[in-house]
Amino acid sequence: MAGGDFDGWTVLATGASTGLGRAVAVECASRGAANIVINFASSAEEAAETKRLVETHGANGVLAQGDVARDEDCHRIAAAAEPFGRIDAMFNNAGVTKFANNHADMDAVSGEDFARLYAINVIGAFQMIRAARTLLEAAPQAGAVVNTASVAGVIGIGSSVPYAASKGALITMTLSLARALAPKIRVNAICPGFIDTPWFGKAMGPEALERMRAGVAASMPLKAASSAEDIAGAAVFLASPAARHITGETLLVDAGLHLGYAPLGMR
């Protein structure tokens, strides 16, 4: 097992079959985590690849299928960590969106869209924290929760109004739970901008993704389209011992998007 500041830790990551969730799981493994619970909703083959990757670093990968919008599934996912007696860090990465980039077109989204996005992006994160609370409190240091919000929830941009609203709600919930669960559990959030992952490609198609990637790289202050690994480093930092005095924080990791840039596809 690789040595590092996560030596012996048990980590739970939702939405970890691909993209940011996978990158977080692998980063934790590389830093010495002993057990990593890998949640996925339906992509069993991709989740198995995440398991293989974390095990190359010496970690024990545990697959836990479940939909975080279902409370009973959240309890089952958290229970996958029970044999290890604790959860040192949990990353709420599971999320969905609705693509309706023209926010002025209020007929492009429905009440059902709002309900679906809130069920996974907000309620799912709440249910996972509630289901894992006892195990998080059993961590020798304060158990750490890192919620994946979005810059969309800070400045009201992004793939759709329901998406931005759900991520804004997740940021507010991060503050509420950081206050309520201290001192035994720390709760923080990261706010990525565009992340160059297969998730966008599947939703938008390769041509639209390439246009978006080029627009991001051209217009961001840092002139970069962030990779999943770029964002994972920030998420893992917030869970790490180096951040032991940080709770209730919202960390923007967006290559400078919040400074006023609105690249192609994110207006």
Protein backbone atom coordinates (compact mmCIF):
# COMPACT_ATOMS: atom_id res chain seq x y z
CA MET A 1 0.00 0.00 0.00
CA ALA A 2 1.22 3.49 -0.83
CA GLY A 3 2.18 5.61 2.14
CA GLY A 4 0.54 8.95 2.72
CA ASP A 5 -1.67 11.11 4.88
CA PHE A 6 -4.67 8.83 4.29
CA ASP A 7 -2.93 5.73 5.67
CA GLY A 8 -5.49 3.23 6.95
CA TRP A 9 -8.47 5.39 6.02
CA THR A 10 -11.85 4.22 4.82
CA VAL A 11 -13.27 6.40 2.07
CA LEU A 12 -16.72 6.38 0.47
CA ALA A 13 -17.28 8.06 -2.89
CA THR A 14 -20.67 8.28 -4.58
CA GLY A 15 -20.91 8.53 -8.33
CA ALA A 16 -17.47 6.96 -8.59
CA SER A 17 -17.76 4.84 -11.72
CA THR A 18 -16.20 7.53 -13.95
CA GLY A 19 -15.03 11.13 -14.04
CA LEU A 20 -14.49 13.11 -10.87
CA GLY A 21 -15.72 10.34 -8.57
CA ARG A 22 -13.22 7.91 -10.04
CA ALA A 23 -10.41 10.49 -9.87
CA VAL A 24 -11.16 11.15 -6.18
CA ALA A 25 -11.17 7.43 -5.37
CA VAL A 26 -7.85 6.88 -7.13
CA GLU A 27 -6.27 9.93 -5.49
CA CYS A 28 -7.30 8.70 -2.04
CA ALA A 29 -5.87 5.26 -2.80
CA SER A 30 -2.60 6.81 -3.94
CA ARG A 31 -2.38 8.59 -0.59
CA GLY A 32 -2.69 5.39 1.42
CA ALA A 33 -6.43 4.84 1.96
CA ALA A 34 -6.99 1.22 2.97
CA ASN A 35 -10.63 0.78 1.96
CA ILE A 36 -12.57 2.63 -0.71
CA VAL A 37 -16.31 2.14 -1.13
CA ILE A 38 -17.15 2.85 -4.78
CA ASN A 39 -20.79 3.75 -5.35
CA PHE A 40 -22.40 3.59 -8.77
CA ALA A 41 -25.99 3.74 -9.94
CA SER A 42 -25.93 1.63 -13.10
CA SER A 43 -22.45 1.59 -14.69
CA ALA A 44 -21.20 -1.67 -13.21
CA GLU A 45 -18.48 -2.23 -15.79
CA GLU A 46 -17.05 1.28 -15.33
CA ALA A 47 -17.25 0.94 -11.54
CA ALA A 48 -15.28 -2.29 -11.79
CA GLU A 49 -12.58 -0.35 -13.63
CA THR A 50 -12.48 2.18 -10.76
CA LYS A 51 -12.08 -0.73 -8.37
CA ARG A 52 -9.19 -2.08 -10.44
CA LEU A 53 -7.49 1.31 -10.45
CA VAL A 54 -7.69 1.83 -6.70
CA GLU A 55 -6.40 -1.68 -6.10
CA THR A 56 -3.29 -0.93 -8.17
CA HIS A 57 -2.39 1.42 -5.30
CA GLY A 58 -2.92 -1.29 -2.70
CA ALA A 59 -6.36 -0.23 -1.50
CA ASN A 60 -9.30 -2.57 -0.97
CA GLY A 61 -12.03 -1.54 -3.41
CA VAL A 62 -15.65 -2.31 -2.46
CA LEU A 63 -18.44 -1.85 -5.00
CA ALA A 64 -21.78 -0.51 -3.73
CA GLN A 65 -24.57 -0.15 -6.24
CA GLY A 66 -27.38 2.23 -5.41
CA ASP A 67 -29.34 5.34 -6.35
CA VAL A 68 -28.71 8.12 -3.82
CA ALA A 69 -32.20 9.50 -4.49
CA ARG A 70 -33.52 6.43 -2.64
CA ASP A 71 -33.01 6.60 1.12
CA GLU A 72 -32.92 2.82 1.48
CA ASP A 73 -30.13 2.66 -1.09
CA CYS A 74 -28.15 5.29 0.83
CA HIS A 75 -28.29 3.16 3.96
CA ARG A 76 -27.15 0.14 1.96
CA ILE A 77 -24.27 2.09 0.40
CA ALA A 78 -23.11 3.35 3.80
CA ALA A 79 -23.43 -0.16 5.24
CA ALA A 80 -20.73 -1.32 2.82
CA ALA A 81 -18.26 0.50 5.08
CA GLU A 82 -19.52 -1.06 8.31
CA PRO A 83 -16.96 -3.92 8.31
CA PHE A 84 -14.23 -1.27 8.60
CA GLY A 85 -15.83 0.41 11.60
CA ARG A 86 -15.64 3.98 10.32
CA ILE A 87 -15.66 6.36 7.38
CA ASP A 88 -12.82 8.86 7.44
CA ALA A 89 -13.91 10.74 4.34
CA MET A 90 -17.03 10.74 2.17
CA PHE A 91 -17.31 12.43 -1.20
CA ASN A 92 -20.82 13.21 -2.42
CA ASN A 93 -20.14 13.26 -6.13
CA ALA A 94 -23.31 11.68 -7.58
CA GLY A 95 -25.15 14.22 -9.70
CA VAL A 96 -27.25 14.78 -12.79
CA THR A 97 -28.31 17.70 -14.94
CA LYS A 98 -30.82 18.80 -17.53
CA PHE A 99 -29.36 20.56 -20.57
CA ALA A 100 -31.30 23.76 -21.25
CA ASN A 101 -28.54 26.34 -21.70
CA ASN A 102 -30.86 29.22 -22.58
CA HIS A 103 -32.01 30.18 -19.10
CA ALA A 104 -34.53 32.63 -20.56
CA ASP A 105 -36.48 29.75 -22.13
CA MET A 106 -38.54 28.89 -19.09
CA ASP A 107 -40.54 26.33 -21.06
CA ALA A 108 -37.41 24.24 -21.62
CA VAL A 109 -37.59 22.84 -18.09
CA SER A 110 -40.40 21.42 -16.01
CA GLY A 111 -41.30 20.85 -12.42
CA GLU A 112 -40.34 17.24 -12.95
CA ASP A 113 -36.85 18.37 -14.03
CA PHE A 114 -36.46 20.32 -10.79
CA ALA A 115 -37.69 17.37 -8.73
CA ARG A 116 -35.32 14.91 -10.42
CA LEU A 117 -32.26 17.14 -10.04
CA TYR A 118 -33.03 18.00 -6.43
CA ALA A 119 -33.67 14.33 -5.61
CA ILE A 120 -30.13 13.37 -6.61
CA ASN A 121 -28.05 16.54 -6.29
CA VAL A 122 -29.42 17.76 -2.94
CA ILE A 123 -31.60 15.20 -1.21
CA GLY A 124 -29.24 12.40 -2.21
CA ALA A 125 -26.29 14.14 -0.57
CA PHE A 126 -28.33 14.78 2.57
CA GLN A 127 -29.46 11.17 2.74
CA MET A 128 -25.91 9.89 2.29
CA ILE A 129 -24.61 12.07 5.12
CA ARG A 130 -27.45 10.95 7.36
CA ALA A 131 -26.88 7.28 6.51
CA ALA A 132 -23.12 7.54 7.11
CA ARG A 133 -23.25 9.82 10.16
CA THR A 134 -22.44 7.19 12.78
CA LEU A 135 -19.50 5.85 10.78
CA LEU A 136 -18.20 9.36 10.08
CA GLU A 137 -18.37 10.17 13.79
CA ALA A 138 -16.35 7.01 14.50
CA ALA A 139 -13.33 8.36 12.60
CA PRO A 140 -10.37 9.06 14.93
CA GLN A 141 -10.24 12.62 13.64
CA ALA A 142 -13.35 14.51 12.55
CA GLY A 143 -14.96 12.62 9.69
CA ALA A 144 -14.84 14.67 6.51
CA VAL A 145 -17.62 15.19 3.98
CA VAL A 146 -16.92 16.89 0.66
CA ASN A 147 -19.96 17.80 -1.44
CA THR A 148 -19.51 18.37 -5.16
CA ALA A 149 -21.44 21.54 -5.88
CA SER A 150 -20.66 23.80 -8.86
CA VAL A 151 -19.76 27.33 -9.78
CA ALA A 152 -23.25 27.26 -11.34
CA GLY A 153 -24.66 27.37 -7.83
CA VAL A 154 -22.61 30.46 -6.99
CA ILE A 155 -23.20 32.68 -10.03
CA GLY A 156 -26.32 31.17 -11.62
CA ILE A 157 -24.87 29.88 -14.88
CA GLY A 158 -24.59 26.37 -16.26
CA SER A 159 -26.49 23.70 -18.09
CA SER A 160 -29.93 24.74 -16.80
CA VAL A 161 -31.78 26.73 -14.16
CA PRO A 162 -32.72 23.57 -12.18
CA TYR A 163 -29.07 22.50 -12.15
CA ALA A 164 -27.81 25.87 -10.89
CA ALA A 165 -30.58 26.00 -8.31
CA SER A 166 -29.82 22.50 -7.05
CA LYS A 167 -26.13 23.27 -6.67
CA GLY A 168 -26.96 26.51 -4.83
CA ALA A 169 -29.10 24.49 -2.46
CA LEU A 170 -26.26 22.04 -1.94
CA ILE A 171 -23.95 24.91 -0.98
CA THR A 172 -26.47 26.19 1.57
CA MET A 173 -26.94 22.66 2.94
CA THR A 174 -23.16 22.38 3.31
CA LEU A 175 -23.22 25.43 5.60
CA SER A 176 -26.17 24.11 7.60
CA LEU A 177 -24.66 20.68 8.18
CA ALA A 178 -21.16 22.01 8.88
CA ARG A 179 -22.70 23.93 11.76
CA ALA A 180 -25.00 21.13 12.91
CA LEU A 181 -22.55 18.21 12.78
CA ALA A 182 -19.46 19.90 14.24
CA PRO A 183 -17.17 19.04 15.93
CA LYS A 184 -17.37 15.35 15.01
CA ILE A 185 -17.88 15.86 11.26
CA ARG A 186 -16.47 18.51 8.92
CA VAL A 187 -18.59 19.41 5.88
CA ASN A 188 -17.19 21.35 2.92
CA ALA A 189 -17.99 21.77 -0.76
CA ILE A 190 -16.05 22.20 -3.96
CA CYS A 191 -17.43 24.20 -6.87
CA PRO A 192 -15.96 23.07 -10.18
CA GLY A 193 -16.63 24.77 -13.47
CA PHE A 194 -16.26 22.79 -16.67
CA ILE A 195 -14.63 19.38 -16.15
CA ASP A 196 -13.39 17.60 -19.24
CA THR A 197 -14.88 14.15 -18.60
CA PRO A 198 -16.87 11.58 -20.62
CA TRP A 199 -20.02 12.80 -18.81
CA PHE A 200 -20.25 15.88 -21.07
CA GLY A 201 -19.46 13.85 -24.16
CA LYS A 202 -22.28 11.40 -23.51
CA ALA A 203 -24.77 14.18 -22.88
CA MET A 204 -23.75 16.59 -25.65
CA GLY A 205 -22.06 14.52 -28.32
CA PRO A 206 -18.42 14.72 -29.43
CA GLU A 207 -18.73 17.78 -31.71
CA ALA A 208 -20.49 19.93 -29.11
CA LEU A 209 -18.00 18.76 -26.49
CA GLU A 210 -15.05 19.79 -28.64
CA ARG A 211 -16.57 23.24 -29.21
CA MET A 212 -17.14 23.62 -25.49
CA ARG A 213 -13.62 22.43 -24.64
CA ALA A 214 -12.10 24.94 -27.08
CA GLY A 215 -14.29 27.75 -25.77
CA VAL A 216 -13.33 27.01 -22.19
CA ALA A 217 -9.61 26.89 -22.91
CA ALA A 218 -9.76 30.18 -24.84
CA SER A 219 -11.83 32.20 -22.39
CA MET A 220 -10.83 31.06 -18.91
CA PRO A 221 -8.40 33.30 -17.02
CA LEU A 222 -6.14 30.28 -16.53
CA LYS A 223 -6.56 29.24 -20.19
CA ALA A 224 -7.30 25.65 -19.25
CA ALA A 225 -10.09 23.11 -19.39
CA SER A 226 -9.93 21.33 -16.04
CA SER A 227 -9.49 17.57 -15.93
CA ALA A 228 -11.12 15.35 -13.32
CA GLU A 229 -7.71 14.96 -11.68
CA ASP A 230 -7.33 18.75 -11.38
CA ILE A 231 -10.57 18.96 -9.41
CA ALA A 232 -9.95 15.78 -7.42
CA GLY A 233 -6.83 17.27 -5.87
CA ALA A 234 -8.87 20.09 -4.35
CA ALA A 235 -11.60 17.75 -3.12
CA VAL A 236 -9.11 15.43 -1.47
CA PHE A 237 -7.35 18.39 0.14
CA LEU A 238 -10.59 19.37 1.90
CA ALA A 239 -10.87 15.84 3.29
CA SER A 240 -7.23 15.66 4.34
CA PRO A 241 -5.56 16.33 7.71
CA ALA A 242 -4.16 19.54 6.20
CA ALA A 243 -7.74 20.89 6.16
CA ARG A 244 -8.61 19.76 9.69
CA HIS A 245 -9.54 23.34 10.69
CA ILE A 246 -11.72 23.93 7.63
CA THR A 247 -15.47 23.38 7.75
CA GLY A 248 -18.41 25.10 6.09
CA GLU A 249 -16.17 26.23 3.25
CA THR A 250 -17.10 26.47 -0.43
CA LEU A 251 -14.00 26.22 -2.59
CA LEU A 252 -14.26 27.37 -6.19
CA VAL A 253 -12.07 25.23 -8.46
CA ASP A 254 -13.08 26.60 -11.83
CA ALA A 255 -9.94 27.94 -13.57
CA GLY A 256 -11.27 31.45 -12.88
CA LEU A 257 -14.72 31.12 -14.46
CA HIS A 258 -16.35 32.98 -11.55
CA LEU A 259 -14.32 36.10 -12.39
CA GLY A 260 -16.80 36.91 -15.10
CA TYR A 261 -16.20 34.59 -18.00
CA ALA A 262 -19.01 32.65 -19.66
CA PRO A 263 -17.50 30.20 -22.18
CA LEU A 264 -19.38 28.51 -24.96
CA GLY A 265 -22.06 26.18 -23.64
CA MET A 266 -22.07 27.60 -20.11
CA ARG A 267 -24.06 30.83 -20.64
